Amino acid sequence: MAEQTAKQQKILAKIATLQMQLDFYNNQLTADMDPKDQKQLEKKIAKLCSEIEQLRLRVTPTSLPTKSDHLSSQLKKYRILLTLALVIIILLAVVFFVITQKYSQLQISYRSANYWSDYYREEAEELNKKIQKLTGDTTPTSSPEPTQSPDRPNDEKDTQETDSNENSFYYVRKSANDKASQLGAFQVLENAKNLADTHKAEGYKVYDSQGKCIYTP
């Protein structure tokens, strides 16, 4: 590339020299000069013009960069950068959309799991009650009475009370036996009361695990 540039510069220098000679011969042409000398001078001028034209043909357009070429190269760079920016923005939008969809699905799955866990826990309690009625066993199966240690009777009693509280649920229904109308099952009584207050006009109340109404809005 450097050699080609040097050759182009030599050609341009030669063109400039021939152009100076051509200008000198043109200045010597006058109307009152000898016709013979005038004819010879015109031949020299024609020869110089021919040489200059041939040298100009040897100069490639790429060797003479113009201002428009520079602007076009800059525009190409800006177009490439703009395209890359748009691609990055689109990718970020796609990633954000996928993340929000996954998060929504996880929320739905979590709520569904909580609902069904409460439902099956309630069914298990009802089944235990039926088994106790059939067998005549009045001892609750969910929290068997542990053997008390003579050294720490108070700790064992506190443990039994904690277990019974954890296994107790509060149901928001229209009646104790109307499972179809149930809106929710809660271990925290205040949460059950708040839901019953919201549906007060529809006749919802709060019942414990034994079917006893413990709160009426």
Foldseek 3Di string as FASTA:
>chain_A
DVVVLVVLVVLVVVLVVLVVVLVVLVVPDDPPDDPVVNVVSVVVNVVSVVVSVVSVVVRDPVSPDDPVVVVVVVVVVVVVVVVVVVVVVVVVVVVVVVVVVVVVVVVVVVVVVVQVVQVVLLVVLVVQVVVCVVVVPPQRPQQHQDDADPVCNPVSVVVSVVSVLVSKKKWKALFLPCPVRTPDIHSDVVVSVVVCVVCLVVRIFIAMSVRDTDGHD
